N, C-alpha and C. Protein backbone atom coordinates (compact mmCIF):
# COMPACT_ATOMS: atom_id res chain seq x y z
N MET A 1 113.25 88.32 203.48
CA MET A 1 114.60 88.68 203.23
C MET A 1 115.48 87.48 203.44
N LEU A 2 116.31 87.19 202.43
CA LEU A 2 117.14 86.00 202.43
C LEU A 2 118.60 86.44 202.39
N LEU A 3 119.47 85.62 202.93
CA LEU A 3 120.91 85.92 203.04
C LEU A 3 121.65 85.13 201.99
N GLY A 4 122.63 85.75 201.34
CA GLY A 4 123.40 85.09 200.33
C GLY A 4 124.79 85.68 200.19
N LYS A 5 125.66 85.01 199.41
CA LYS A 5 126.97 85.52 199.11
C LYS A 5 127.17 85.52 197.61
N VAL A 6 127.65 86.61 197.06
CA VAL A 6 127.89 86.70 195.63
C VAL A 6 129.15 85.92 195.31
N ILE A 7 128.99 84.93 194.39
CA ILE A 7 130.13 84.05 194.05
C ILE A 7 130.56 84.23 192.61
N GLY A 8 129.88 85.11 191.88
CA GLY A 8 130.26 85.30 190.47
C GLY A 8 129.34 86.22 189.75
N THR A 9 129.63 86.46 188.48
CA THR A 9 128.79 87.31 187.62
C THR A 9 128.28 86.51 186.50
N VAL A 10 127.19 87.01 185.89
CA VAL A 10 126.58 86.34 184.76
C VAL A 10 126.47 87.37 183.63
N THR A 11 126.89 87.00 182.45
CA THR A 11 126.77 87.87 181.27
C THR A 11 125.78 87.27 180.31
N PRO A 12 124.60 87.91 180.20
CA PRO A 12 123.57 87.35 179.28
C PRO A 12 123.88 87.71 177.82
N CYS A 13 123.43 86.84 176.91
CA CYS A 13 123.62 87.16 175.50
C CYS A 13 122.37 87.91 174.96
N VAL A 14 121.23 87.81 175.66
CA VAL A 14 120.03 88.55 175.30
C VAL A 14 119.45 89.13 176.59
N VAL A 15 119.05 90.40 176.49
CA VAL A 15 118.53 91.11 177.70
C VAL A 15 117.08 91.42 177.48
N TYR A 16 116.21 91.05 178.40
CA TYR A 16 114.79 91.33 178.34
C TYR A 16 114.59 92.83 178.49
N PRO A 17 113.59 93.42 177.77
CA PRO A 17 113.30 94.86 177.94
C PRO A 17 112.99 95.18 179.41
N GLY A 18 113.62 96.17 179.92
CA GLY A 18 113.43 96.56 181.33
C GLY A 18 114.58 96.13 182.22
N LEU A 19 115.38 95.20 181.67
CA LEU A 19 116.53 94.73 182.46
C LEU A 19 117.86 95.20 181.88
N GLU A 20 117.78 96.18 180.97
CA GLU A 20 119.02 96.71 180.40
C GLU A 20 119.84 97.41 181.50
N GLY A 21 121.06 97.10 181.60
CA GLY A 21 121.96 97.74 182.57
C GLY A 21 121.87 97.16 183.96
N VAL A 22 121.04 96.19 184.18
CA VAL A 22 120.93 95.58 185.53
C VAL A 22 121.89 94.45 185.60
N PRO A 23 122.86 94.51 186.53
CA PRO A 23 123.81 93.41 186.68
C PRO A 23 123.15 92.10 187.11
N LEU A 24 123.62 91.00 186.56
CA LEU A 24 123.17 89.68 187.02
C LEU A 24 124.32 89.03 187.73
N LEU A 25 124.08 88.55 188.95
CA LEU A 25 125.13 87.98 189.79
C LEU A 25 124.74 86.56 190.20
N LEU A 26 125.75 85.73 190.37
CA LEU A 26 125.56 84.37 190.83
C LEU A 26 125.70 84.39 192.36
N VAL A 27 124.65 83.90 193.03
CA VAL A 27 124.57 84.05 194.48
C VAL A 27 124.42 82.65 195.12
N GLN A 28 125.19 82.40 196.19
CA GLN A 28 125.03 81.16 196.97
C GLN A 28 124.14 81.51 198.15
N PRO A 29 122.94 80.91 198.24
CA PRO A 29 122.06 81.16 199.39
C PRO A 29 122.74 80.63 200.66
N LEU A 30 122.54 81.36 201.76
CA LEU A 30 123.16 81.01 203.06
C LEU A 30 122.10 80.88 204.11
N SER A 31 122.39 80.06 205.14
CA SER A 31 121.53 79.99 206.32
C SER A 31 121.87 81.17 207.26
N LYS A 32 121.17 81.34 208.33
CA LYS A 32 121.47 82.44 209.26
C LYS A 32 122.81 82.29 209.93
N ASN A 33 123.35 81.09 209.87
CA ASN A 33 124.70 80.84 210.39
C ASN A 33 125.76 80.91 209.32
N SER A 34 125.41 81.47 208.16
CA SER A 34 126.32 81.68 207.02
C SER A 34 126.81 80.36 206.43
N LYS A 35 126.01 79.32 206.52
CA LYS A 35 126.34 78.04 205.88
C LYS A 35 125.64 77.95 204.54
N ALA A 36 126.28 77.42 203.51
CA ALA A 36 125.69 77.32 202.17
C ALA A 36 124.47 76.43 202.24
N VAL A 37 123.40 76.87 201.56
CA VAL A 37 122.13 76.18 201.49
C VAL A 37 121.73 76.01 200.06
N GLY A 38 121.60 74.79 199.53
CA GLY A 38 121.13 74.57 198.18
C GLY A 38 122.12 74.99 197.12
N LYS A 39 121.62 75.10 195.90
CA LYS A 39 122.40 75.44 194.72
C LYS A 39 122.49 76.95 194.53
N PRO A 40 123.52 77.44 193.85
CA PRO A 40 123.61 78.86 193.54
C PRO A 40 122.45 79.28 192.64
N ILE A 41 122.09 80.57 192.76
CA ILE A 41 121.00 81.17 191.94
C ILE A 41 121.51 82.38 191.23
N VAL A 42 120.81 82.79 190.23
CA VAL A 42 121.08 84.05 189.51
C VAL A 42 120.18 85.10 190.05
N ALA A 43 120.74 86.27 190.43
CA ALA A 43 119.88 87.35 190.97
C ALA A 43 120.28 88.64 190.28
N CYS A 44 119.22 89.47 190.02
CA CYS A 44 119.47 90.83 189.54
C CYS A 44 119.94 91.67 190.72
N ASP A 45 120.81 92.62 190.40
CA ASP A 45 121.35 93.48 191.48
C ASP A 45 120.66 94.84 191.44
N ALA A 46 119.64 95.03 192.24
CA ALA A 46 118.95 96.31 192.30
C ALA A 46 119.82 97.43 192.92
N THR A 47 120.84 97.03 193.68
CA THR A 47 121.71 98.05 194.30
C THR A 47 122.74 98.54 193.29
N ARG A 48 123.04 97.68 192.31
CA ARG A 48 124.08 97.96 191.29
C ARG A 48 125.42 98.23 191.95
N MET A 49 125.65 97.70 193.15
CA MET A 49 126.92 97.89 193.84
C MET A 49 127.53 96.58 194.38
N ALA A 50 126.76 95.50 194.32
CA ALA A 50 127.29 94.23 194.89
C ALA A 50 128.32 93.63 193.91
N GLY A 51 129.18 92.85 194.48
CA GLY A 51 130.19 92.18 193.64
C GLY A 51 130.62 90.88 194.28
N PRO A 52 131.44 90.10 193.58
CA PRO A 52 131.88 88.83 194.10
C PRO A 52 132.52 88.95 195.49
N GLY A 53 132.11 88.00 196.38
CA GLY A 53 132.64 87.94 197.70
C GLY A 53 131.83 88.70 198.76
N GLU A 54 130.85 89.48 198.30
CA GLU A 54 130.07 90.28 199.23
C GLU A 54 128.88 89.50 199.81
N LEU A 55 128.55 89.77 201.07
CA LEU A 55 127.38 89.23 201.69
C LEU A 55 126.23 90.13 201.40
N ILE A 56 125.12 89.54 200.89
CA ILE A 56 123.98 90.39 200.46
C ILE A 56 122.69 89.81 201.04
N TYR A 57 121.59 90.60 200.95
CA TYR A 57 120.29 90.04 201.19
C TYR A 57 119.46 90.23 199.95
N TYR A 58 118.56 89.29 199.72
CA TYR A 58 117.81 89.30 198.47
C TYR A 58 116.38 88.83 198.72
N GLU A 59 115.52 89.05 197.74
CA GLU A 59 114.15 88.57 197.79
C GLU A 59 113.91 87.66 196.58
N GLY A 60 112.91 86.81 196.73
CA GLY A 60 112.55 85.94 195.64
C GLY A 60 111.06 86.12 195.31
N GLY A 61 110.67 85.62 194.15
CA GLY A 61 109.29 85.66 193.72
C GLY A 61 108.79 87.04 193.38
N ARG A 62 107.51 87.31 193.76
CA ARG A 62 106.89 88.56 193.39
C ARG A 62 107.64 89.78 193.96
N GLU A 63 108.14 89.66 195.19
CA GLU A 63 108.86 90.75 195.79
C GLU A 63 110.13 91.12 195.00
N ALA A 64 110.73 90.11 194.39
CA ALA A 64 111.93 90.36 193.55
C ALA A 64 111.61 91.25 192.39
N ALA A 65 110.44 91.06 191.80
CA ALA A 65 110.04 91.88 190.65
C ALA A 65 109.69 93.30 191.04
N LEU A 66 109.31 93.53 192.30
CA LEU A 66 108.92 94.86 192.75
C LEU A 66 110.12 95.72 193.09
N ALA A 67 111.28 95.11 193.25
CA ALA A 67 112.47 95.88 193.67
C ALA A 67 113.18 96.60 192.54
N LEU A 68 112.78 96.27 191.29
CA LEU A 68 113.46 96.89 190.16
C LEU A 68 112.57 97.95 189.51
N ASP A 69 113.21 98.83 188.77
CA ASP A 69 112.48 99.87 188.04
C ASP A 69 112.78 99.68 186.56
N PRO A 70 111.80 99.34 185.72
CA PRO A 70 110.38 99.24 185.98
C PRO A 70 110.00 97.97 186.76
N TRP A 71 108.82 98.01 187.37
CA TRP A 71 108.34 96.88 188.16
C TRP A 71 107.93 95.72 187.27
N PHE A 72 107.85 94.60 187.86
CA PHE A 72 107.33 93.37 187.29
C PHE A 72 108.04 92.94 186.03
N VAL A 73 109.34 93.10 185.97
CA VAL A 73 110.13 92.49 184.92
C VAL A 73 110.32 91.00 185.36
N PRO A 74 110.53 90.12 184.37
CA PRO A 74 110.55 88.69 184.70
C PRO A 74 111.85 88.25 185.40
N VAL A 75 111.89 88.34 186.74
CA VAL A 75 113.02 87.92 187.51
C VAL A 75 112.58 87.00 188.62
N ASP A 76 113.47 86.11 189.06
CA ASP A 76 113.17 85.22 190.17
C ASP A 76 113.75 85.71 191.47
N HIS A 77 114.92 86.32 191.41
CA HIS A 77 115.57 86.84 192.63
C HIS A 77 116.21 88.20 192.34
N THR A 78 116.12 89.04 193.36
CA THR A 78 116.75 90.38 193.25
C THR A 78 117.50 90.72 194.51
N ILE A 79 118.72 91.22 194.35
CA ILE A 79 119.52 91.68 195.47
C ILE A 79 119.00 93.02 195.95
N ILE A 80 118.69 93.11 197.22
CA ILE A 80 118.09 94.30 197.78
C ILE A 80 119.14 95.17 198.52
N GLY A 81 120.10 94.52 199.13
CA GLY A 81 121.11 95.28 199.91
C GLY A 81 122.36 94.49 200.12
N ILE A 82 123.36 95.20 200.59
CA ILE A 82 124.67 94.60 200.95
C ILE A 82 124.73 94.57 202.49
N VAL A 83 125.18 93.46 203.02
CA VAL A 83 125.24 93.25 204.48
C VAL A 83 126.65 93.52 204.99
N ASP A 84 126.75 94.38 206.00
CA ASP A 84 128.08 94.63 206.60
C ASP A 84 128.51 93.50 207.53
N GLY A 85 127.54 92.92 208.28
CA GLY A 85 127.84 91.83 209.19
C GLY A 85 126.59 91.22 209.78
N VAL A 86 126.73 90.00 210.29
CA VAL A 86 125.61 89.31 210.89
C VAL A 86 126.02 88.95 212.32
N HIS A 87 125.23 89.40 213.28
CA HIS A 87 125.51 89.09 214.67
C HIS A 87 124.30 88.39 215.29
N LEU A 88 124.46 87.13 215.57
CA LEU A 88 123.37 86.34 216.14
C LEU A 88 123.48 86.29 217.65
N ILE A 89 122.32 86.34 218.29
CA ILE A 89 122.26 86.21 219.76
C ILE A 89 122.01 84.72 220.04
N ASP A 90 122.89 84.12 220.84
CA ASP A 90 122.73 82.73 221.23
C ASP A 90 121.67 82.68 222.30
N GLU A 91 120.44 82.33 221.92
CA GLU A 91 119.33 82.30 222.84
C GLU A 91 119.48 81.26 223.95
N SER A 92 120.23 80.18 223.64
CA SER A 92 120.38 79.07 224.61
C SER A 92 121.27 79.49 225.76
N SER A 93 122.15 80.47 225.56
CA SER A 93 123.07 80.93 226.65
C SER A 93 122.48 82.03 227.52
N GLN A 94 121.35 82.62 227.08
CA GLN A 94 120.77 83.68 227.85
C GLN A 94 120.02 83.09 229.06
N SER A 95 120.15 83.79 230.22
CA SER A 95 119.44 83.33 231.41
C SER A 95 117.97 83.73 231.35
N GLU A 96 117.16 82.95 232.00
CA GLU A 96 115.71 83.21 231.99
C GLU A 96 115.31 84.05 233.14
């Protein structure tokens, strides 16, 4: 499970069979501290509810293809859910 932020939408001119009606979104991958990591990616939105500005989690590779119906459509990344918030525990400040 990877963390990202939706930064835009993508409108394809040709849609592969099985991906009709699946929104394509531009996602900036984030670190666990919500810092941008690498270049933006295009992800299919399996939730069909994500939009620009939202914090999301996504999968890549084979798991991304399993999240859509029908399975195994040719995708690299798929949005699995929308994140309400991230709360990290600072392990260095905890007493032993």
